[in-house]
């Protein structure tokens, strides 16, 4: 495996921490180094961990209440006054309820607003379909000027949050609620817009984002036992996507699988397909939500129910390799 300072026991015995903790801790670090950073909440401060920033910098925290559209517009005004506002709410609200404000007020003017898009994917668990953001990546990546980042774990969410303040223009950071494996460290490379190869391979490429990066690493171990060498790429930045790394992987492995905790239509897999079909088409399979809403349940059970586990990636990889061989 390529040495990228992955955490000890990253696959076999990973530490489990929610990615939302990385968002909250990242905001506190930002608050210490950048006095222009302000945080807005929509009555979900504890759930999204922005109460950590509120407690550290109360004079730079604004509670708007359950008014996501107003919060997004408020943030637009703050950005025009020279602040770096982070609006924080669930993904279904910031990309659904406040879509017009995100598109027309923030993105059209390319304002310097950052969006903490929480509770992404089915792994939210008991909150159910109404609160499980499964369409948010497709919604945001189609809006001009918007950078979309889907971090793999706690450490990467922290890094993405800090990095967002230095990216000019709107940035959406998607993260989840439940504990997920920590596969990286503070030293693991992270650059917005740059995918990282976490494992080299020659037979098939698995490109993933979010907690599906961990599932992909587990899948690579299983595939290795079956004589299949899988390259694992962490594509944390869905937009702008790292076309160079993806095209090179397609040329060198000849088959690609994408993995995301999101609808397969319009999401990360579609973004990868757009790159490859125009530059270097290869057999490709997509692992993700298959045109359905979520439901209430245990997070791990839901991941299995919707085909988002390592075994599903293994199956897709084997099919892609067979397609390659014709």
C-alpha atoms as a PDB file:
ATOM      1  CA  UNK A   1       0.000   0.000   0.000  1.00  0.00           C
ATOM      2  CA  UNK A   2       1.160   3.510  -0.735  1.00  0.00           C
ATOM      3  CA  UNK A   3       2.343   5.158   2.463  1.00  0.00           C
ATOM      4  CA  UNK A   4       0.044   8.093   3.204  1.00  0.00           C
ATOM      5  CA  UNK A   5       0.175   8.087   6.985  1.00  0.00           C
ATOM      6  CA  UNK A   6      -3.134   6.263   7.363  1.00  0.00           C
ATOM      7  CA  UNK A   7      -4.106   5.742  10.984  1.00  0.00           C
ATOM      8  CA  UNK A   8      -2.976   2.619  12.865  1.00  0.00           C
ATOM      9  CA  UNK A   9      -5.540  -0.140  12.498  1.00  0.00           C
ATOM     10  CA  UNK A  10      -7.302   1.912   9.827  1.00  0.00           C
ATOM     11  CA  UNK A  11      -8.932  -1.195   8.389  1.00  0.00           C
ATOM     12  CA  UNK A  12      -8.918  -3.871  11.091  1.00  0.00           C
ATOM     13  CA  UNK A  13      -9.535  -1.870  14.286  1.00  0.00           C
ATOM     14  CA  UNK A  14     -10.270   1.764  13.441  1.00  0.00           C
ATOM     15  CA  UNK A  15     -11.127   4.416  15.994  1.00  0.00           C
ATOM     16  CA  UNK A  16     -14.754   5.523  15.602  1.00  0.00           C
ATOM     17  CA  UNK A  17     -15.610   9.259  15.669  1.00  0.00           C
ATOM     18  CA  UNK A  18     -18.469  11.164  13.992  1.00  0.00           C
ATOM     19  CA  UNK A  19     -17.416  13.421  11.122  1.00  0.00           C
ATOM     20  CA  UNK A  20     -19.577  16.211  12.588  1.00  0.00           C
ATOM     21  CA  UNK A  21     -17.062  16.388  15.449  1.00  0.00           C
ATOM     22  CA  UNK A  22     -14.429  17.289  12.864  1.00  0.00           C
ATOM     23  CA  UNK A  23     -16.604  20.148  11.623  1.00  0.00           C
ATOM     24  CA  UNK A  24     -17.093  21.509  15.132  1.00  0.00           C
ATOM     25  CA  UNK A  25     -13.435  21.188  16.097  1.00  0.00           C
ATOM     26  CA  UNK A  26     -12.333  22.657  12.771  1.00  0.00           C
ATOM     27  CA  UNK A  27     -14.466  25.733  13.365  1.00  0.00           C
ATOM     28  CA  UNK A  28     -12.887  26.255  16.782  1.00  0.00           C
ATOM     29  CA  UNK A  29      -9.394  26.043  15.266  1.00  0.00           C
ATOM     30  CA  UNK A  30     -10.433  28.505  12.580  1.00  0.00           C
ATOM     31  CA  UNK A  31     -11.851  30.838  15.185  1.00  0.00           C
ATOM     32  CA  UNK A  32      -8.492  31.013  16.907  1.00  0.00           C
ATOM     33  CA  UNK A  33      -6.514  31.843  13.775  1.00  0.00           C
ATOM     34  CA  UNK A  34      -8.991  33.907  11.746  1.00  0.00           C
ATOM     35  CA  UNK A  35     -11.042  36.642  13.431  1.00  0.00           C
ATOM     36  CA  UNK A  36     -13.150  37.057  10.270  1.00  0.00           C
ATOM     37  CA  UNK A  37     -14.769  33.644  10.726  1.00  0.00           C
ATOM     38  CA  UNK A  38     -18.327  33.730  12.032  1.00  0.00           C
ATOM     39  CA  UNK A  39     -20.728  30.825  12.482  1.00  0.00           C
ATOM     40  CA  UNK A  40     -24.482  30.748  11.983  1.00  0.00           C
ATOM     41  CA  UNK A  41     -26.767  28.051  13.354  1.00  0.00           C
ATOM     42  CA  UNK A  42     -30.395  27.141  12.705  1.00  0.00           C
ATOM     43  CA  UNK A  43     -31.439  25.724  16.084  1.00  0.00           C
ATOM     44  CA  UNK A  44     -29.179  22.677  15.627  1.00  0.00           C
ATOM     45  CA  UNK A  45     -26.047  23.856  17.428  1.00  0.00           C
ATOM     46  CA  UNK A  46     -25.436  20.739  19.490  1.00  0.00           C
ATOM     47  CA  UNK A  47     -26.351  18.293  16.737  1.00  0.00           C
ATOM     48  CA  UNK A  48     -23.839  19.839  14.331  1.00  0.00           C
ATOM     49  CA  UNK A  49     -21.272  20.530  17.067  1.00  0.00           C
ATOM     50  CA  UNK A  50     -21.182  24.264  16.365  1.00  0.00           C
ATOM     51  CA  UNK A  51     -21.905  24.810  20.051  1.00  0.00           C
ATOM     52  CA  UNK A  52     -18.145  24.309  20.441  1.00  0.00           C
ATOM     53  CA  UNK A  53     -17.532  27.490  18.430  1.00  0.00           C
ATOM     54  CA  UNK A  54     -20.405  29.259  20.215  1.00  0.00           C
ATOM     55  CA  UNK A  55     -18.874  28.531  23.606  1.00  0.00           C
ATOM     56  CA  UNK A  56     -15.382  29.631  22.512  1.00  0.00           C
ATOM     57  CA  UNK A  57     -16.406  32.719  20.522  1.00  0.00           C
ATOM     58  CA  UNK A  58     -19.929  33.759  21.562  1.00  0.00           C
ATOM     59  CA  UNK A  59     -19.563  37.185  19.986  1.00  0.00           C
ATOM     60  CA  UNK A  60     -19.034  35.549  16.570  1.00  0.00           C
ATOM     61  CA  UNK A  61     -21.907  33.076  16.752  1.00  0.00           C
ATOM     62  CA  UNK A  62     -25.376  33.896  15.409  1.00  0.00           C
ATOM     63  CA  UNK A  63     -28.408  31.765  16.201  1.00  0.00           C
ATOM     64  CA  UNK A  64     -31.029  32.364  13.521  1.00  0.00           C
ATOM     65  CA  UNK A  65     -33.524  29.791  14.738  1.00  0.00           C
ATOM     66  CA  UNK A  66     -35.401  27.502  12.368  1.00  0.00           C
ATOM     67  CA  UNK A  67     -35.042  29.886   9.435  1.00  0.00           C
ATOM     68  CA  UNK A  68     -32.596  28.331   6.980  1.00  0.00           C
ATOM     69  CA  UNK A  69     -33.469  30.618   4.082  1.00  0.00           C
ATOM     70  CA  UNK A  70     -32.933  33.706   6.223  1.00  0.00           C
ATOM     71  CA  UNK A  71     -29.701  32.228   7.562  1.00  0.00           C
ATOM     72  CA  UNK A  72     -28.303  31.753   4.048  1.00  0.00           C
ATOM     73  CA  UNK A  73     -29.208  35.318   3.065  1.00  0.00           C
ATOM     74  CA  UNK A  74     -27.841  36.642   6.341  1.00  0.00           C
ATOM     75  CA  UNK A  75     -24.551  34.894   5.596  1.00  0.00           C
ATOM     76  CA  UNK A  76     -24.456  36.494   2.152  1.00  0.00           C
ATOM     77  CA  UNK A  77     -24.646  39.915   3.765  1.00  0.00           C
ATOM     78  CA  UNK A  78     -21.932  39.057   6.252  1.00  0.00           C
ATOM     79  CA  UNK A  79     -19.635  37.967   3.421  1.00  0.00           C
ATOM     80  CA  UNK A  80     -20.151  41.300   1.695  1.00  0.00           C
ATOM     81  CA  UNK A  81     -19.075  42.972   4.941  1.00  0.00           C
ATOM     82  CA  UNK A  82     -15.777  41.058   4.851  1.00  0.00           C
ATOM     83  CA  UNK A  83     -16.658  38.179   7.135  1.00  0.00           C
ATOM     84  CA  UNK A  84     -16.246  34.458   6.384  1.00  0.00           C
ATOM     85  CA  UNK A  85     -19.593  33.001   7.448  1.00  0.00           C
ATOM     86  CA  UNK A  86     -20.176  29.279   8.001  1.00  0.00           C
ATOM     87  CA  UNK A  87     -23.866  28.412   7.851  1.00  0.00           C
ATOM     88  CA  UNK A  88     -24.643  25.158   9.611  1.00  0.00           C
ATOM     89  CA  UNK A  89     -27.688  22.942   9.241  1.00  0.00           C
ATOM     90  CA  UNK A  90     -28.808  19.559   7.937  1.00  0.00           C
ATOM     91  CA  UNK A  91     -28.080  18.775   4.301  1.00  0.00           C
ATOM     92  CA  UNK A  92     -31.761  18.387   3.457  1.00  0.00           C
ATOM     93  CA  UNK A  93     -32.354  21.954   4.652  1.00  0.00           C
ATOM     94  CA  UNK A  94     -29.344  23.851   3.308  1.00  0.00           C
ATOM     95  CA  UNK A  95     -29.638  22.265  -0.144  1.00  0.00           C
ATOM     96  CA  UNK A  96     -33.415  21.875  -0.212  1.00  0.00           C
ATOM     97  CA  UNK A  97     -35.203  24.494   1.824  1.00  0.00           C
ATOM     98  CA  UNK A  98     -32.542  27.169   1.204  1.00  0.00           C
ATOM     99  CA  UNK A  99     -31.720  26.127  -2.376  1.00  0.00           C
ATOM    100  CA  UNK A 100     -32.827  29.409  -3.970  1.00  0.00           C
ATOM    101  CA  UNK A 101     -30.800  31.470  -1.519  1.00  0.00           C
ATOM    102  CA  UNK A 102     -27.749  29.240  -2.018  1.00  0.00           C
ATOM    103  CA  UNK A 103     -28.050  29.405  -5.799  1.00  0.00           C
ATOM    104  CA  UNK A 104     -29.195  32.952  -6.464  1.00  0.00           C
ATOM    105  CA  UNK A 105     -28.068  34.987  -3.466  1.00  0.00           C
ATOM    106  CA  UNK A 106     -24.763  33.223  -2.700  1.00  0.00           C
ATOM    107  CA  UNK A 107     -23.462  31.342  -5.742  1.00  0.00           C
ATOM    108  CA  UNK A 108     -24.640  33.683  -8.503  1.00  0.00           C
ATOM    109  CA  UNK A 109     -22.661  36.483  -6.878  1.00  0.00           C
ATOM    110  CA  UNK A 110     -19.836  34.054  -5.971  1.00  0.00           C
ATOM    111  CA  UNK A 111     -19.993  35.178  -2.352  1.00  0.00           C
ATOM    112  CA  UNK A 112     -17.577  33.848   0.232  1.00  0.00           C
ATOM    113  CA  UNK A 113     -20.103  31.735   2.166  1.00  0.00           C
ATOM    114  CA  UNK A 114     -19.292  28.300   3.586  1.00  0.00           C
ATOM    115  CA  UNK A 115     -21.965  25.676   4.207  1.00  0.00           C
ATOM    116  CA  UNK A 116     -21.753  22.933   6.818  1.00  0.00           C
ATOM    117  CA  UNK A 117     -24.110  20.339   5.339  1.00  0.00           C
ATOM    118  CA  UNK A 118     -24.759  17.834   8.117  1.00  0.00           C
ATOM    119  CA  UNK A 119     -26.520  14.497   8.465  1.00  0.00           C
ATOM    120  CA  UNK A 120     -25.670  13.350   4.954  1.00  0.00           C
ATOM    121  CA  UNK A 121     -26.620   9.857   3.793  1.00  0.00           C
ATOM    122  CA  UNK A 122     -28.719   7.020   5.205  1.00  0.00           C
ATOM    123  CA  UNK A 123     -26.336   6.506   8.129  1.00  0.00           C
ATOM    124  CA  UNK A 124     -28.170   9.288   9.979  1.00  0.00           C
ATOM    125  CA  UNK A 125     -30.207   6.327  11.180  1.00  0.00           C
ATOM    126  CA  UNK A 126     -33.438   6.775  13.114  1.00  0.00           C
ATOM    127  CA  UNK A 127     -34.128  10.272  11.745  1.00  0.00           C
ATOM    128  CA  UNK A 128     -35.499   8.595   8.634  1.00  0.00           C
ATOM    129  CA  UNK A 129     -36.118   9.623   5.049  1.00  0.00           C
ATOM    130  CA  UNK A 130     -37.086  13.242   5.699  1.00  0.00           C
ATOM    131  CA  UNK A 131     -33.735  13.978   7.338  1.00  0.00           C
ATOM    132  CA  UNK A 132     -31.428  11.726   5.296  1.00  0.00           C
ATOM    133  CA  UNK A 133     -29.791  13.895   2.640  1.00  0.00           C
ATOM    134  CA  UNK A 134     -29.351  11.629  -0.378  1.00  0.00           C
ATOM    135  CA  UNK A 135     -29.606  14.235  -3.148  1.00  0.00           C
ATOM    136  CA  UNK A 136     -27.477  17.055  -1.732  1.00  0.00           C
ATOM    137  CA  UNK A 137     -24.276  16.364  -3.664  1.00  0.00           C
ATOM    138  CA  UNK A 138     -26.092  16.325  -6.995  1.00  0.00           C
ATOM    139  CA  UNK A 139     -27.906  19.546  -6.097  1.00  0.00           C
ATOM    140  CA  UNK A 140     -24.816  21.472  -5.042  1.00  0.00           C
ATOM    141  CA  UNK A 141     -22.342  20.279  -7.651  1.00  0.00           C
ATOM    142  CA  UNK A 142     -24.579  21.541 -10.466  1.00  0.00           C
ATOM    143  CA  UNK A 143     -24.519  25.109  -9.125  1.00  0.00           C
ATOM    144  CA  UNK A 144     -21.757  27.235 -10.711  1.00  0.00           C
ATOM    145  CA  UNK A 145     -18.993  28.573  -8.436  1.00  0.00           C
ATOM    146  CA  UNK A 146     -19.673  26.028  -5.664  1.00  0.00           C
ATOM    147  CA  UNK A 147     -16.927  23.769  -4.297  1.00  0.00           C
ATOM    148  CA  UNK A 148     -18.241  20.480  -2.873  1.00  0.00           C
ATOM    149  CA  UNK A 149     -16.218  18.431  -0.372  1.00  0.00           C
ATOM    150  CA  UNK A 150     -17.245  15.056   1.111  1.00  0.00           C
ATOM    151  CA  UNK A 151     -14.596  14.140   3.724  1.00  0.00           C
ATOM    152  CA  UNK A 152     -13.832  10.525   4.602  1.00  0.00           C
ATOM    153  CA  UNK A 153     -13.510  10.781   8.391  1.00  0.00           C
ATOM    154  CA  UNK A 154     -13.119  13.026  11.425  1.00  0.00           C
ATOM    155  CA  UNK A 155      -9.596  14.183  10.594  1.00  0.00           C
ATOM    156  CA  UNK A 156     -10.438  14.971   7.000  1.00  0.00           C
ATOM    157  CA  UNK A 157     -13.587  16.864   7.978  1.00  0.00           C
ATOM    158  CA  UNK A 158     -11.516  18.990  10.333  1.00  0.00           C
ATOM    159  CA  UNK A 159      -9.008  19.704   7.560  1.00  0.00           C
ATOM    160  CA  UNK A 160     -11.740  20.438   5.021  1.00  0.00           C
ATOM    161  CA  UNK A 161     -13.391  22.899   7.399  1.00  0.00           C
ATOM    162  CA  UNK A 162     -10.146  24.782   7.947  1.00  0.00           C
ATOM    163  CA  UNK A 163      -9.308  24.701   4.227  1.00  0.00           C
ATOM    164  CA  UNK A 164     -12.741  26.055   3.278  1.00  0.00           C
ATOM    165  CA  UNK A 165     -11.931  29.414   4.828  1.00  0.00           C
ATOM    166  CA  UNK A 166      -9.058  29.847   2.351  1.00  0.00           C
ATOM    167  CA  UNK A 167     -11.092  28.902  -0.725  1.00  0.00           C
ATOM    168  CA  UNK A 168     -12.616  31.968  -2.330  1.00  0.00           C
ATOM    169  CA  UNK A 169     -16.323  31.543  -3.021  1.00  0.00           C
ATOM    170  CA  UNK A 170     -19.055  29.170  -1.826  1.00  0.00           C
ATOM    171  CA  UNK A 171     -17.942  25.865  -0.294  1.00  0.00           C
ATOM    172  CA  UNK A 172     -20.192  23.011   0.832  1.00  0.00           C
ATOM    173  CA  UNK A 173     -18.772  20.472   3.314  1.00  0.00           C
ATOM    174  CA  UNK A 174     -20.879  17.324   3.648  1.00  0.00           C
ATOM    175  CA  UNK A 175     -20.590  15.262   6.817  1.00  0.00           C
ATOM    176  CA  UNK A 176     -22.574  12.763   8.851  1.00  0.00           C
ATOM    177  CA  UNK A 177     -23.997  12.169  12.291  1.00  0.00           C
ATOM    178  CA  UNK A 178     -22.926   8.712  13.434  1.00  0.00           C
ATOM    179  CA  UNK A 179     -19.506   7.414  14.416  1.00  0.00           C
ATOM    180  CA  UNK A 180     -17.447   6.276  11.425  1.00  0.00           C
ATOM    181  CA  UNK A 181     -13.944   4.779  11.135  1.00  0.00           C
ATOM    182  CA  UNK A 182     -11.006   7.181  11.381  1.00  0.00           C
ATOM    183  CA  UNK A 183      -8.650   6.106   8.617  1.00  0.00           C
ATOM    184  CA  UNK A 184      -6.416   9.187   8.368  1.00  0.00           C
ATOM    185  CA  UNK A 185      -4.226  11.246  10.707  1.00  0.00           C
ATOM    186  CA  UNK A 186      -3.415  14.939  10.934  1.00  0.00           C
ATOM    187  CA  UNK A 187      -0.382  14.163   8.728  1.00  0.00           C
ATOM    188  CA  UNK A 188      -2.302  12.438   5.928  1.00  0.00           C
ATOM    189  CA  UNK A 189      -2.225  14.723   2.865  1.00  0.00           C
ATOM    190  CA  UNK A 190      -5.354  16.764   2.155  1.00  0.00           C
ATOM    191  CA  UNK A 191      -5.639  19.373  -0.569  1.00  0.00           C
ATOM    192  CA  UNK A 192      -9.015  20.545  -1.799  1.00  0.00           C
ATOM    193  CA  UNK A 193      -9.430  19.508  -5.420  1.00  0.00           C
ATOM    194  CA  UNK A 194      -6.728  16.837  -5.234  1.00  0.00           C
ATOM    195  CA  UNK A 195      -7.675  13.152  -4.920  1.00  0.00           C
ATOM    196  CA  UNK A 196      -5.360  10.839  -2.985  1.00  0.00           C
ATOM    197  CA  UNK A 197      -4.430   7.256  -3.870  1.00  0.00           C
ATOM    198  CA  UNK A 198      -4.674   5.290  -0.616  1.00  0.00           C
ATOM    199  CA  UNK A 199      -3.809   1.935  -2.134  1.00  0.00           C
ATOM    200  CA  UNK A 200      -2.121   1.073  -5.410  1.00  0.00           C
ATOM    201  CA  UNK A 201      -3.649  -1.529  -7.718  1.00  0.00           C
ATOM    202  CA  UNK A 202      -3.553  -2.641 -11.342  1.00  0.00           C
ATOM    203  CA  UNK A 203      -6.802  -4.552 -12.031  1.00  0.00           C
ATOM    204  CA  UNK A 204      -9.559  -2.117 -11.034  1.00  0.00           C
ATOM    205  CA  UNK A 205      -9.922   1.346  -9.529  1.00  0.00           C
ATOM    206  CA  UNK A 206     -12.362   2.079  -6.711  1.00  0.00           C
ATOM    207  CA  UNK A 207     -12.978   5.820  -6.362  1.00  0.00           C
ATOM    208  CA  UNK A 208     -14.913   6.791  -3.256  1.00  0.00           C
ATOM    209  CA  UNK A 209     -15.897   9.698  -1.037  1.00  0.00           C
ATOM    210  CA  UNK A 210     -17.127  10.010   2.536  1.00  0.00           C
ATOM    211  CA  UNK A 211     -17.217   6.932   4.740  1.00  0.00           C
ATOM    212  CA  UNK A 212     -17.289   4.783   1.594  1.00  0.00           C
ATOM    213  CA  UNK A 213     -13.508   5.274   1.445  1.00  0.00           C
ATOM    214  CA  UNK A 214     -13.215   2.982   4.480  1.00  0.00           C
ATOM    215  CA  UNK A 215     -15.564   0.423   2.926  1.00  0.00           C
ATOM    216  CA  UNK A 216     -13.438   0.553  -0.234  1.00  0.00           C
ATOM    217  CA  UNK A 217     -10.256  -0.182   1.704  1.00  0.00           C
ATOM    218  CA  UNK A 218     -11.944  -3.171   3.329  1.00  0.00           C
ATOM    219  CA  UNK A 219     -13.145  -4.293  -0.111  1.00  0.00           C
ATOM    220  CA  UNK A 220      -9.581  -4.061  -1.449  1.00  0.00           C
ATOM    221  CA  UNK A 221      -8.419  -6.505   1.210  1.00  0.00           C
ATOM    222  CA  UNK A 222     -11.154  -8.965   0.222  1.00  0.00           C
ATOM    223  CA  UNK A 223     -10.388  -8.550  -3.474  1.00  0.00           C
ATOM    224  CA  UNK A 224      -6.704  -9.125  -2.813  1.00  0.00           C
ATOM    225  CA  UNK A 225      -7.527 -12.528  -1.314  1.00  0.00           C
ATOM    226  CA  UNK A 226      -9.282 -13.348  -4.596  1.00  0.00           C
ATOM    227  CA  UNK A 227      -6.305 -12.296  -6.706  1.00  0.00           C
ATOM    228  CA  UNK A 228      -7.682  -8.888  -7.721  1.00  0.00           C
ATOM    229  CA  UNK A 229      -5.467  -5.841  -7.225  1.00  0.00           C
ATOM    230  CA  UNK A 230      -7.637  -2.795  -6.490  1.00  0.00           C
ATOM    231  CA  UNK A 231      -6.476   0.812  -6.527  1.00  0.00           C
ATOM    232  CA  UNK A 232      -8.329   2.897  -3.906  1.00  0.00           C
ATOM    233  CA  UNK A 233      -8.756   6.633  -4.471  1.00  0.00           C
ATOM    234  CA  UNK A 234     -10.179   9.059  -1.938  1.00  0.00           C
ATOM    235  CA  UNK A 235     -12.004  11.692  -4.010  1.00  0.00           C
ATOM    236  CA  UNK A 236     -13.018  13.924  -1.124  1.00  0.00           C
ATOM    237  CA  UNK A 237     -13.510  16.895  -3.447  1.00  0.00           C
ATOM    238  CA  UNK A 238     -16.428  16.094  -5.726  1.00  0.00           C
ATOM    239  CA  UNK A 239     -16.212  19.533  -7.339  1.00  0.00           C
ATOM    240  CA  UNK A 240     -13.818  20.525  -8.758  1.00  0.00           C
ATOM    241  CA  UNK A 241     -13.056  16.867  -9.329  1.00  0.00           C
ATOM    242  CA  UNK A 242      -9.491  15.647  -9.872  1.00  0.00           C
ATOM    243  CA  UNK A 243      -9.814  14.580 -13.510  1.00  0.00           C
ATOM    244  CA  UNK A 244      -6.101  13.931 -13.941  1.00  0.00           C
ATOM    245  CA  UNK A 245      -5.919  11.301 -11.194  1.00  0.00           C
ATOM    246  CA  UNK A 246      -9.103   9.589 -12.385  1.00  0.00           C
ATOM    247  CA  UNK A 247      -8.054   9.450 -16.033  1.00  0.00           C
ATOM    248  CA  UNK A 248      -4.639   8.076 -15.132  1.00  0.00           C
ATOM    249  CA  UNK A 249      -6.256   5.396 -12.970  1.00  0.00           C
ATOM    250  CA  UNK A 250      -8.654   4.423 -15.752  1.00  0.00           C
ATOM    251  CA  UNK A 251      -5.782   4.076 -18.215  1.00  0.00           C
ATOM    252  CA  UNK A 252      -3.673   2.008 -15.835  1.00  0.00           C
ATOM    253  CA  UNK A 253      -6.371  -0.304 -14.405  1.00  0.00           C
ATOM    254  CA  UNK A 254      -8.931  -0.429 -17.229  1.00  0.00           C
ATOM    255  CA  UNK A 255     -12.021  -0.573 -14.976  1.00  0.00           C
ATOM    256  CA  UNK A 256     -13.591   1.756 -12.412  1.00  0.00           C
ATOM    257  CA  UNK A 257     -16.044   1.449  -9.533  1.00  0.00           C
ATOM    258  CA  UNK A 258     -17.443   4.458  -7.697  1.00  0.00           C
ATOM    259  CA  UNK A 259     -18.780   4.327  -4.138  1.00  0.00           C
ATOM    260  CA  UNK A 260     -20.881   6.968  -2.407  1.00  0.00           C
ATOM    261  CA  UNK A 261     -23.507   7.252   0.340  1.00  0.00           C
ATOM    262  CA  UNK A 262     -25.794   9.187  -2.002  1.00  0.00           C
ATOM    263  CA  UNK A 263     -28.103   8.677  -4.947  1.00  0.00           C
ATOM    264  CA  UNK A 264     -26.151   7.245  -7.885  1.00  0.00           C
ATOM    265  CA  UNK A 265     -27.983   9.649 -10.204  1.00  0.00           C
ATOM    266  CA  UNK A 266     -26.277  13.012 -10.403  1.00  0.00           C
ATOM    267  CA  UNK A 267     -23.893  12.402  -7.525  1.00  0.00           C
ATOM    268  CA  UNK A 268     -20.232  11.488  -7.212  1.00  0.00           C
ATOM    269  CA  UNK A 269     -20.472   8.496  -9.545  1.00  0.00           C
ATOM    270  CA  UNK A 270     -22.024  10.675 -12.213  1.00  0.00           C
ATOM    271  CA  UNK A 271     -19.217  13.195 -11.786  1.00  0.00           C
ATOM    272  CA  UNK A 272     -16.613  10.480 -12.357  1.00  0.00           C
ATOM    273  CA  UNK A 273     -18.550   9.126 -15.356  1.00  0.00           C
ATOM    274  CA  UNK A 274     -18.634  12.601 -16.899  1.00  0.00           C
ATOM    275  CA  UNK A 275     -14.857  12.755 -16.722  1.00  0.00           C
ATOM    276  CA  UNK A 276     -14.184   9.269 -18.058  1.00  0.00           C
ATOM    277  CA  UNK A 277     -16.764   9.123 -20.849  1.00  0.00           C
ATOM    278  CA  UNK A 278     -15.265  12.263 -22.373  1.00  0.00           C
ATOM    279  CA  UNK A 279     -11.626  11.341 -21.891  1.00  0.00           C
ATOM    280  CA  UNK A 280     -11.009   7.615 -21.441  1.00  0.00           C
ATOM    281  CA  UNK A 281     -14.114   5.389 -21.302  1.00  0.00           C
ATOM    282  CA  UNK A 282     -13.687   2.106 -19.422  1.00  0.00           C
ATOM    283  CA  UNK A 283     -16.104  -0.428 -17.890  1.00  0.00           C
ATOM    284  CA  UNK A 284     -17.653   1.222 -14.843  1.00  0.00           C
ATOM    285  CA  UNK A 285     -19.995   0.257 -12.008  1.00  0.00           C
ATOM    286  CA  UNK A 286     -21.591   2.551  -9.409  1.00  0.00           C
ATOM    287  CA  UNK A 287     -22.238   1.670  -5.773  1.00  0.00           C
ATOM    288  CA  UNK A 288     -24.725   4.000  -4.093  1.00  0.00           C
ATOM    289  CA  UNK A 289     -28.392   4.606  -3.355  1.00  0.00           C
ATOM    290  CA  UNK A 290     -30.472   3.198  -6.202  1.00  0.00           C
ATOM    291  CA  UNK A 291     -33.272   5.730  -6.769  1.00  0.00           C
ATOM    292  CA  UNK A 292     -35.043   5.331  -3.438  1.00  0.00           C
ATOM    293  CA  UNK A 293     -35.629   7.215  -0.201  1.00  0.00           C
ATOM    294  CA  UNK A 294     -34.116   6.065   3.066  1.00  0.00           C
ATOM    295  CA  UNK A 295     -35.882   4.848   6.190  1.00  0.00           C
ATOM    296  CA  UNK A 296     -35.435   4.791   9.950  1.00  0.00           C
ATOM    297  CA  UNK A 297     -33.099   2.178  11.375  1.00  0.00           C
ATOM    298  CA  UNK A 298     -29.723   1.348  12.816  1.00  0.00           C
ATOM    299  CA  UNK A 299     -27.035   3.123  10.751  1.00  0.00           C
ATOM    300  CA  UNK A 300     -25.014  -0.008  10.001  1.00  0.00           C
ATOM    301  CA  UNK A 301     -28.158  -1.956   9.129  1.00  0.00           C
ATOM    302  CA  UNK A 302     -29.196   0.812   6.729  1.00  0.00           C
ATOM    303  CA  UNK A 303     -25.793   0.818   5.061  1.00  0.00           C
ATOM    304  CA  UNK A 304     -26.237  -2.908   4.439  1.00  0.00           C
ATOM    305  CA  UNK A 305     -29.868  -2.553   3.362  1.00  0.00           C
ATOM    306  CA  UNK A 306     -28.972  -0.028   0.676  1.00  0.00           C
ATOM    307  CA  UNK A 307     -25.917  -1.858  -0.617  1.00  0.00           C
ATOM    308  CA  UNK A 308     -23.243   0.401   0.813  1.00  0.00           C
ATOM    309  CA  UNK A 309     -20.887  -2.115   2.394  1.00  0.00           C
ATOM    310  CA  UNK A 310     -17.534  -3.553   1.381  1.00  0.00           C
ATOM    311  CA  UNK A 311     -19.194  -6.678  -0.016  1.00  0.00           C
ATOM    312  CA  UNK A 312     -21.206  -4.582  -2.448  1.00  0.00           C
ATOM    313  CA  UNK A 313     -18.029  -2.887  -3.644  1.00  0.00           C
ATOM    314  CA  UNK A 314     -16.359  -6.278  -4.083  1.00  0.00           C
ATOM    315  CA  UNK A 315     -19.253  -7.487  -6.229  1.00  0.00           C
ATOM    316  CA  UNK A 316     -19.175  -4.333  -8.366  1.00  0.00           C
ATOM    317  CA  UNK A 317     -15.388  -4.575  -8.793  1.00  0.00           C
ATOM    318  CA  UNK A 318     -15.567  -8.192  -9.929  1.00  0.00           C
ATOM    319  CA  UNK A 319     -18.261  -7.281 -12.449  1.00  0.00           C
ATOM    320  CA  UNK A 320     -16.203  -4.361 -13.760  1.00  0.00           C
ATOM    321  CA  UNK A 321     -13.162  -6.613 -14.178  1.00  0.00           C
ATOM    322  CA  UNK A 322     -15.256  -9.183 -16.072  1.00  0.00           C
ATOM    323  CA  UNK A 323     -16.597  -6.415 -18.339  1.00  0.00           C
ATOM    324  CA  UNK A 324     -13.028  -5.319 -19.021  1.00  0.00           C
ATOM    325  CA  UNK A 325     -12.045  -8.808 -20.096  1.00  0.00           C
ATOM    326  CA  UNK A 326     -15.024  -8.925 -22.433  1.00  0.00           C
END
